[in-house]
Amino acid sequence: MTPEDKYKNFQELSKNHKRDVDYRIEACDRASPFSVLAIHGGKTEPMTSEIAKAIAGNDFNYYLFEALQQQAWDLHVTSNNYDEPAAVDMAGKSRACISIHGFKESHKRQVCIGGLNVKLKNLIFQNLLKTGLLEQTTENPLTDKFHAEDKTNIVNRCMDGGVQIEISRALRDLLRNDPEKMKIFAAAIRKSISDYAAPAPPRVFKPKLGSF
């Protein structure tokens, strides 16, 4: 629970707010080994739901929690405490998850990439760099936050661990206003998932000279 959170977990939140009035949940299970989450969507961290759905496309699972009320931050439950049953179930059945979040930076187009899945983190960062959309040289320009390395974080409750992507307001605004750039951004992350899922090439045995 962060100091700003009103509720310590989803169960507490749900006792004080009405589903489909104060918030809505959309969960689409496509029986994929990969899931994309946006647990602070709607009015809390704008555009995170839209970005998550763009990444999921027509084949990956996705889960959205969207705040509908004006006091949206009241419905923010930090990732380490997020225990909504459908999200926990989806993450637990997934090989790897990606969680989309937003942070306040309004001038620089940046992402802060965290999570326990080091291989997928590296793939995502390298593929996003190739898009030319980012203004950074490291996976996490804000070195003091957004590491998302706690095992209780909803994104890490999958088999291989997950990747949390915090997206600056400047970059989210760009993606909102330019559908082509949204496609490019989502495609880079989708490619990263495909690269991660691809089987390793077979090892070729090369005998040393004189070994026969």
C-alpha atoms as a PDB file:
ATOM      1  CA  MET A   1       0.000   0.000   0.000  1.00  0.00           C
ATOM      2  CA  THR A   2       1.410   3.392  -0.979  1.00  0.00           C
ATOM      3  CA  PRO A   3       0.874   6.361   1.334  1.00  0.00           C
ATOM      4  CA  GLU A   4      -1.644   7.779  -1.154  1.00  0.00           C
ATOM      5  CA  ASP A   5      -3.821   4.646  -1.395  1.00  0.00           C
ATOM      6  CA  LYS A   6      -7.221   4.822   0.252  1.00  0.00           C
ATOM      7  CA  TYR A   7      -7.690   1.041   0.297  1.00  0.00           C
ATOM      8  CA  LYS A   8      -5.186  -1.644   1.198  1.00  0.00           C
ATOM      9  CA  ASN A   9      -6.459  -4.130  -1.417  1.00  0.00           C
ATOM     10  CA  PHE A  10      -9.205  -4.743  -3.943  1.00  0.00           C
ATOM     11  CA  GLN A  11     -11.414  -6.581  -1.472  1.00  0.00           C
ATOM     12  CA  GLU A  12     -11.585  -3.476   0.689  1.00  0.00           C
ATOM     13  CA  LEU A  13     -12.196  -1.265  -2.338  1.00  0.00           C
ATOM     14  CA  SER A  14     -15.074  -3.457  -3.550  1.00  0.00           C
ATOM     15  CA  LYS A  15     -16.904  -3.072  -0.220  1.00  0.00           C
ATOM     16  CA  ASN A  16     -17.002   0.694  -0.689  1.00  0.00           C
ATOM     17  CA  HIS A  17     -17.633   1.086  -4.427  1.00  0.00           C
ATOM     18  CA  LYS A  18     -20.064  -0.333  -6.979  1.00  0.00           C
ATOM     19  CA  ARG A  19     -18.916  -2.255 -10.010  1.00  0.00           C
ATOM     20  CA  ASP A  20     -20.089  -0.732 -13.320  1.00  0.00           C
ATOM     21  CA  VAL A  21     -20.892   2.490 -11.471  1.00  0.00           C
ATOM     22  CA  ASP A  22     -17.606   3.538  -9.851  1.00  0.00           C
ATOM     23  CA  TYR A  23     -15.391   1.122 -11.765  1.00  0.00           C
ATOM     24  CA  ARG A  24     -15.532  -1.605 -14.361  1.00  0.00           C
ATOM     25  CA  ILE A  25     -13.515  -4.726 -14.993  1.00  0.00           C
ATOM     26  CA  GLU A  26     -12.925  -6.293 -18.394  1.00  0.00           C
ATOM     27  CA  ALA A  27     -11.155  -9.648 -18.555  1.00  0.00           C
ATOM     28  CA  CYS A  28     -10.606 -11.488 -21.825  1.00  0.00           C
ATOM     29  CA  ASP A  29      -9.070 -14.962 -21.440  1.00  0.00           C
ATOM     30  CA  ARG A  30      -7.984 -16.311 -24.834  1.00  0.00           C
ATOM     31  CA  ALA A  31      -6.116 -19.257 -23.353  1.00  0.00           C
ATOM     32  CA  SER A  32      -2.843 -17.590 -24.333  1.00  0.00           C
ATOM     33  CA  PRO A  33       0.293 -18.116 -22.214  1.00  0.00           C
ATOM     34  CA  PHE A  34       0.758 -14.322 -22.233  1.00  0.00           C
ATOM     35  CA  SER A  35      -1.395 -11.669 -20.575  1.00  0.00           C
ATOM     36  CA  VAL A  36      -1.459  -7.871 -20.652  1.00  0.00           C
ATOM     37  CA  LEU A  37      -2.812  -6.019 -17.611  1.00  0.00           C
ATOM     38  CA  ALA A  38      -3.902  -2.453 -16.880  1.00  0.00           C
ATOM     39  CA  ILE A  39      -5.011  -2.312 -13.239  1.00  0.00           C
ATOM     40  CA  HIS A  40      -5.092   1.508 -13.028  1.00  0.00           C
ATOM     41  CA  GLY A  41      -7.015   2.234 -16.197  1.00  0.00           C
ATOM     42  CA  GLY A  42      -9.851   4.624 -16.900  1.00  0.00           C
ATOM     43  CA  LYS A  43      -9.499   7.970 -15.153  1.00  0.00           C
ATOM     44  CA  THR A  44      -6.685   6.907 -12.803  1.00  0.00           C
ATOM     45  CA  GLU A  45      -3.840   6.504 -15.320  1.00  0.00           C
ATOM     46  CA  PRO A  46      -5.405   7.568 -18.648  1.00  0.00           C
ATOM     47  CA  MET A  47      -4.638   5.592 -21.830  1.00  0.00           C
ATOM     48  CA  THR A  48      -3.196   2.593 -20.005  1.00  0.00           C
ATOM     49  CA  SER A  49      -6.252   0.470 -20.861  1.00  0.00           C
ATOM     50  CA  GLU A  50      -6.112   1.467 -24.515  1.00  0.00           C
ATOM     51  CA  ILE A  51      -2.406   0.674 -24.720  1.00  0.00           C
ATOM     52  CA  ALA A  52      -2.900  -2.697 -23.016  1.00  0.00           C
ATOM     53  CA  LYS A  53      -5.649  -3.673 -25.476  1.00  0.00           C
ATOM     54  CA  ALA A  54      -3.518  -2.568 -28.430  1.00  0.00           C
ATOM     55  CA  ILE A  55      -0.694  -4.818 -27.222  1.00  0.00           C
ATOM     56  CA  ALA A  56      -3.032  -7.750 -26.586  1.00  0.00           C
ATOM     57  CA  GLY A  57      -4.438  -7.485 -30.102  1.00  0.00           C
ATOM     58  CA  ASN A  58      -6.584 -10.455 -31.034  1.00  0.00           C
ATOM     59  CA  ASP A  59      -4.483 -13.198 -29.488  1.00  0.00           C
ATOM     60  CA  PHE A  60      -3.081 -12.352 -26.027  1.00  0.00           C
ATOM     61  CA  ASN A  61      -5.192 -12.305 -22.859  1.00  0.00           C
ATOM     62  CA  TYR A  62      -5.947  -8.928 -21.323  1.00  0.00           C
ATOM     63  CA  TYR A  63      -7.333  -7.579 -18.061  1.00  0.00           C
ATOM     64  CA  LEU A  64      -8.505  -4.022 -17.369  1.00  0.00           C
ATOM     65  CA  PHE A  65      -9.603  -2.285 -14.190  1.00  0.00           C
ATOM     66  CA  GLU A  66     -10.980   1.146 -15.058  1.00  0.00           C
ATOM     67  CA  ALA A  67     -11.963   3.912 -12.630  1.00  0.00           C
ATOM     68  CA  LEU A  68     -15.150   5.657 -13.744  1.00  0.00           C
ATOM     69  CA  GLN A  69     -15.607   8.201 -10.947  1.00  0.00           C
ATOM     70  CA  GLN A  70     -14.034  11.639 -10.797  1.00  0.00           C
ATOM     71  CA  GLN A  71     -12.050  10.873  -7.615  1.00  0.00           C
ATOM     72  CA  ALA A  72     -10.191   8.238  -9.604  1.00  0.00           C
ATOM     73  CA  TRP A  73      -7.176   8.009  -7.313  1.00  0.00           C
ATOM     74  CA  ASP A  74      -9.441   6.680  -4.567  1.00  0.00           C
ATOM     75  CA  LEU A  75      -9.639   3.513  -6.671  1.00  0.00           C
ATOM     76  CA  HIS A  76      -5.872   3.088  -7.004  1.00  0.00           C
ATOM     77  CA  VAL A  77      -4.639  -0.105  -5.348  1.00  0.00           C
ATOM     78  CA  THR A  78      -0.893  -0.543  -5.612  1.00  0.00           C
ATOM     79  CA  SER A  79       0.322  -3.494  -7.686  1.00  0.00           C
ATOM     80  CA  ASN A  80       1.782  -5.395  -4.727  1.00  0.00           C
ATOM     81  CA  ASN A  81      -1.633  -5.480  -3.045  1.00  0.00           C
ATOM     82  CA  TYR A  82      -3.859  -5.941  -6.080  1.00  0.00           C
ATOM     83  CA  ASP A  83      -5.909  -9.063  -5.396  1.00  0.00           C
ATOM     84  CA  GLU A  84      -8.971  -8.841  -7.645  1.00  0.00           C
ATOM     85  CA  PRO A  85      -9.801 -12.538  -8.297  1.00  0.00           C
ATOM     86  CA  ALA A  86      -9.992 -12.440 -12.107  1.00  0.00           C
ATOM     87  CA  ALA A  87      -6.623 -10.674 -12.330  1.00  0.00           C
ATOM     88  CA  VAL A  88      -4.981 -13.081  -9.893  1.00  0.00           C
ATOM     89  CA  ASP A  89      -6.419 -16.053 -11.798  1.00  0.00           C
ATOM     90  CA  MET A  90      -5.254 -14.751 -15.179  1.00  0.00           C
ATOM     91  CA  ALA A  91      -1.754 -13.981 -13.939  1.00  0.00           C
ATOM     92  CA  GLY A  92      -1.443 -17.356 -12.225  1.00  0.00           C
ATOM     93  CA  LYS A  93      -2.283 -19.208 -15.437  1.00  0.00           C
ATOM     94  CA  SER A  94       0.099 -17.158 -17.595  1.00  0.00           C
ATOM     95  CA  ARG A  95       3.658 -17.904 -18.575  1.00  0.00           C
ATOM     96  CA  ALA A  96       4.474 -14.177 -18.512  1.00  0.00           C
ATOM     97  CA  CYS A  97       2.553 -10.943 -17.974  1.00  0.00           C
ATOM     98  CA  ILE A  98       3.006  -7.330 -18.987  1.00  0.00           C
ATOM     99  CA  SER A  99       1.448  -4.612 -16.837  1.00  0.00           C
ATOM    100  CA  ILE A 100       0.863  -1.134 -18.268  1.00  0.00           C
ATOM    101  CA  HIS A 101       0.995   1.915 -15.972  1.00  0.00           C
ATOM    102  CA  GLY A 102       1.391   5.663 -16.280  1.00  0.00           C
ATOM    103  CA  PHE A 103       3.590   8.240 -14.552  1.00  0.00           C
ATOM    104  CA  LYS A 104       3.385  12.031 -14.503  1.00  0.00           C
ATOM    105  CA  GLU A 105       6.352  13.086 -16.700  1.00  0.00           C
ATOM    106  CA  SER A 106       4.739  15.467 -19.220  1.00  0.00           C
ATOM    107  CA  HIS A 107       7.754  16.607 -21.241  1.00  0.00           C
ATOM    108  CA  LYS A 108       9.811  13.536 -22.105  1.00  0.00           C
ATOM    109  CA  ARG A 109       8.607  10.474 -23.990  1.00  0.00           C
ATOM    110  CA  GLN A 110       9.867   7.797 -21.623  1.00  0.00           C
ATOM    111  CA  VAL A 111       9.132   4.391 -20.193  1.00  0.00           C
ATOM    112  CA  CYS A 112      10.358   2.841 -16.953  1.00  0.00           C
ATOM    113  CA  ILE A 113      10.636  -0.909 -17.368  1.00  0.00           C
ATOM    114  CA  GLY A 114      10.678  -3.141 -14.289  1.00  0.00           C
ATOM    115  CA  GLY A 115       9.660  -6.616 -13.195  1.00  0.00           C
ATOM    116  CA  LEU A 116      11.307  -9.969 -12.527  1.00  0.00           C
ATOM    117  CA  ASN A 117      11.480 -11.281 -16.103  1.00  0.00           C
ATOM    118  CA  VAL A 118      14.897  -9.998 -17.155  1.00  0.00           C
ATOM    119  CA  LYS A 119      14.897 -11.556 -20.633  1.00  0.00           C
ATOM    120  CA  LEU A 120      11.517 -10.111 -21.605  1.00  0.00           C
ATOM    121  CA  LYS A 121      12.435  -6.730 -20.099  1.00  0.00           C
ATOM    122  CA  ASN A 122      15.528  -6.537 -22.287  1.00  0.00           C
ATOM    123  CA  LEU A 123      13.631  -7.554 -25.420  1.00  0.00           C
ATOM    124  CA  ILE A 124      10.942  -4.940 -24.814  1.00  0.00           C
ATOM    125  CA  PHE A 125      13.432  -2.155 -24.181  1.00  0.00           C
ATOM    126  CA  GLN A 126      15.527  -2.941 -27.248  1.00  0.00           C
ATOM    127  CA  ASN A 127      12.488  -3.214 -29.525  1.00  0.00           C
ATOM    128  CA  LEU A 128      10.986   0.012 -28.162  1.00  0.00           C
ATOM    129  CA  LEU A 129      14.285   1.828 -28.721  1.00  0.00           C
ATOM    130  CA  LYS A 130      14.141   0.835 -32.384  1.00  0.00           C
ATOM    131  CA  THR A 131      10.813   2.654 -32.802  1.00  0.00           C
ATOM    132  CA  GLY A 132      12.398   6.059 -32.213  1.00  0.00           C
ATOM    133  CA  LEU A 133       9.543   6.965 -29.872  1.00  0.00           C
ATOM    134  CA  LEU A 134      11.614   7.050 -26.678  1.00  0.00           C
ATOM    135  CA  GLU A 135      13.783   9.815 -25.245  1.00  0.00           C
ATOM    136  CA  GLN A 136      16.082   7.722 -23.049  1.00  0.00           C
ATOM    137  CA  THR A 137      19.078   5.404 -23.089  1.00  0.00           C
ATOM    138  CA  THR A 138      18.336   3.142 -20.102  1.00  0.00           C
ATOM    139  CA  GLU A 139      15.485   0.819 -19.175  1.00  0.00           C
ATOM    140  CA  ASN A 140      14.502   3.000 -16.228  1.00  0.00           C
ATOM    141  CA  PRO A 141      15.477   6.701 -16.298  1.00  0.00           C
ATOM    142  CA  LEU A 142      13.972   7.132 -12.797  1.00  0.00           C
ATOM    143  CA  THR A 143      16.442   4.928 -10.965  1.00  0.00           C
ATOM    144  CA  ASP A 144      14.808   5.372  -7.551  1.00  0.00           C
ATOM    145  CA  LYS A 145      11.373   3.916  -8.398  1.00  0.00           C
ATOM    146  CA  PHE A 146       9.315   1.592 -10.608  1.00  0.00           C
ATOM    147  CA  HIS A 147      11.553  -1.466 -10.230  1.00  0.00           C
ATOM    148  CA  ALA A 148       8.526  -3.771  -9.685  1.00  0.00           C
ATOM    149  CA  GLU A 149      10.682  -6.582  -8.302  1.00  0.00           C
ATOM    150  CA  ASP A 150       8.378  -7.710  -5.493  1.00  0.00           C
ATOM    151  CA  LYS A 151       7.033 -11.219  -6.025  1.00  0.00           C
ATOM    152  CA  THR A 152       3.619 -10.091  -4.754  1.00  0.00           C
ATOM    153  CA  ASN A 153       3.276  -7.559  -7.586  1.00  0.00           C
ATOM    154  CA  ILE A 154       0.394  -8.788  -9.760  1.00  0.00           C
ATOM    155  CA  VAL A 155       2.645  -8.748 -12.852  1.00  0.00           C
ATOM    156  CA  ASN A 156       5.105 -11.169 -11.210  1.00  0.00           C
ATOM    157  CA  ARG A 157       2.509 -13.746 -10.187  1.00  0.00           C
ATOM    158  CA  CYS A 158       2.955 -15.630 -13.459  1.00  0.00           C
ATOM    159  CA  MET A 159       5.227 -18.610 -14.124  1.00  0.00           C
ATOM    160  CA  ASP A 160       8.228 -16.767 -15.587  1.00  0.00           C
ATOM    161  CA  GLY A 161       7.728 -13.447 -13.805  1.00  0.00           C
ATOM    162  CA  GLY A 162       6.528 -10.355 -15.599  1.00  0.00           C
ATOM    163  CA  VAL A 163       7.359  -6.890 -16.921  1.00  0.00           C
ATOM    164  CA  GLN A 164       5.885  -3.639 -15.618  1.00  0.00           C
ATOM    165  CA  ILE A 165       5.966  -0.735 -18.073  1.00  0.00           C
ATOM    166  CA  GLU A 166       5.416   2.756 -16.680  1.00  0.00           C
ATOM    167  CA  ILE A 167       4.680   5.171 -19.531  1.00  0.00           C
ATOM    168  CA  SER A 168       5.143   8.919 -19.213  1.00  0.00           C
ATOM    169  CA  ARG A 169       2.214  11.264 -19.742  1.00  0.00           C
ATOM    170  CA  ALA A 170       4.016  12.791 -22.723  1.00  0.00           C
ATOM    171  CA  LEU A 171       4.300   9.432 -24.466  1.00  0.00           C
ATOM    172  CA  ARG A 172       0.715   8.433 -23.606  1.00  0.00           C
ATOM    173  CA  ASP A 173      -0.538  11.719 -25.049  1.00  0.00           C
ATOM    174  CA  LEU A 174       1.425  11.071 -28.234  1.00  0.00           C
ATOM    175  CA  LEU A 175      -0.044   7.579 -28.574  1.00  0.00           C
ATOM    176  CA  ARG A 176      -3.547   8.915 -27.949  1.00  0.00           C
ATOM    177  CA  ASN A 177      -3.241  11.535 -30.669  1.00  0.00           C
ATOM    178  CA  ASP A 178      -1.401   9.458 -33.266  1.00  0.00           C
ATOM    179  CA  PRO A 179      -2.947   6.032 -34.025  1.00  0.00           C
ATOM    180  CA  GLU A 180      -0.031   5.057 -36.260  1.00  0.00           C
ATOM    181  CA  LYS A 181       2.446   5.603 -33.456  1.00  0.00           C
ATOM    182  CA  MET A 182       0.178   3.590 -31.156  1.00  0.00           C
ATOM    183  CA  LYS A 183       0.393   0.721 -33.648  1.00  0.00           C
ATOM    184  CA  ILE A 184       4.192   1.032 -33.775  1.00  0.00           C
ATOM    185  CA  PHE A 185       4.492   1.060 -29.979  1.00  0.00           C
ATOM    186  CA  ALA A 186       2.188  -1.936 -29.517  1.00  0.00           C
ATOM    187  CA  ALA A 187       3.854  -3.851 -32.352  1.00  0.00           C
ATOM    188  CA  ALA A 188       7.270  -3.463 -30.703  1.00  0.00           C
ATOM    189  CA  ILE A 189       6.001  -5.050 -27.499  1.00  0.00           C
ATOM    190  CA  ARG A 190       4.095  -7.751 -29.376  1.00  0.00           C
ATOM    191  CA  LYS A 191       7.304  -8.593 -31.262  1.00  0.00           C
ATOM    192  CA  SER A 192       9.114  -8.833 -27.932  1.00  0.00           C
ATOM    193  CA  ILE A 193       6.578 -11.388 -26.696  1.00  0.00           C
ATOM    194  CA  SER A 194       6.931 -13.378 -29.918  1.00  0.00           C
ATOM    195  CA  ASP A 195      10.732 -13.266 -29.657  1.00  0.00           C
ATOM    196  CA  TYR A 196      10.486 -14.440 -26.070  1.00  0.00           C
ATOM    197  CA  ALA A 197       8.157 -17.294 -26.983  1.00  0.00           C
ATOM    198  CA  ALA A 198      10.241 -18.492 -29.944  1.00  0.00           C
ATOM    199  CA  PRO A 199      12.083 -21.767 -29.324  1.00  0.00           C
ATOM    200  CA  ALA A 200      15.841 -21.583 -29.066  1.00  0.00           C
ATOM    201  CA  PRO A 201      17.650 -22.651 -32.237  1.00  0.00           C
ATOM    202  CA  PRO A 202      18.997 -26.209 -32.111  1.00  0.00           C
ATOM    203  CA  ARG A 203      22.589 -26.596 -31.058  1.00  0.00           C
ATOM    204  CA  VAL A 204      24.852 -27.881 -33.796  1.00  0.00           C
ATOM    205  CA  PHE A 205      27.512 -30.358 -32.720  1.00  0.00           C
ATOM    206  CA  LYS A 206      30.880 -29.554 -34.243  1.00  0.00           C
ATOM    207  CA  PRO A 207      33.478 -32.185 -33.403  1.00  0.00           C
ATOM    208  CA  LYS A 208      36.999 -31.012 -32.753  1.00  0.00           C
ATOM    209  CA  LEU A 209      39.690 -32.091 -35.165  1.00  0.00           C
ATOM    210  CA  GLY A 210      41.218 -35.394 -34.145  1.00  0.00           C
ATOM    211  CA  SER A 211      38.230 -36.465 -32.106  1.00  0.00           C
ATOM    212  CA  PHE A 212      37.550 -39.511 -34.306  1.00  0.00           C
END
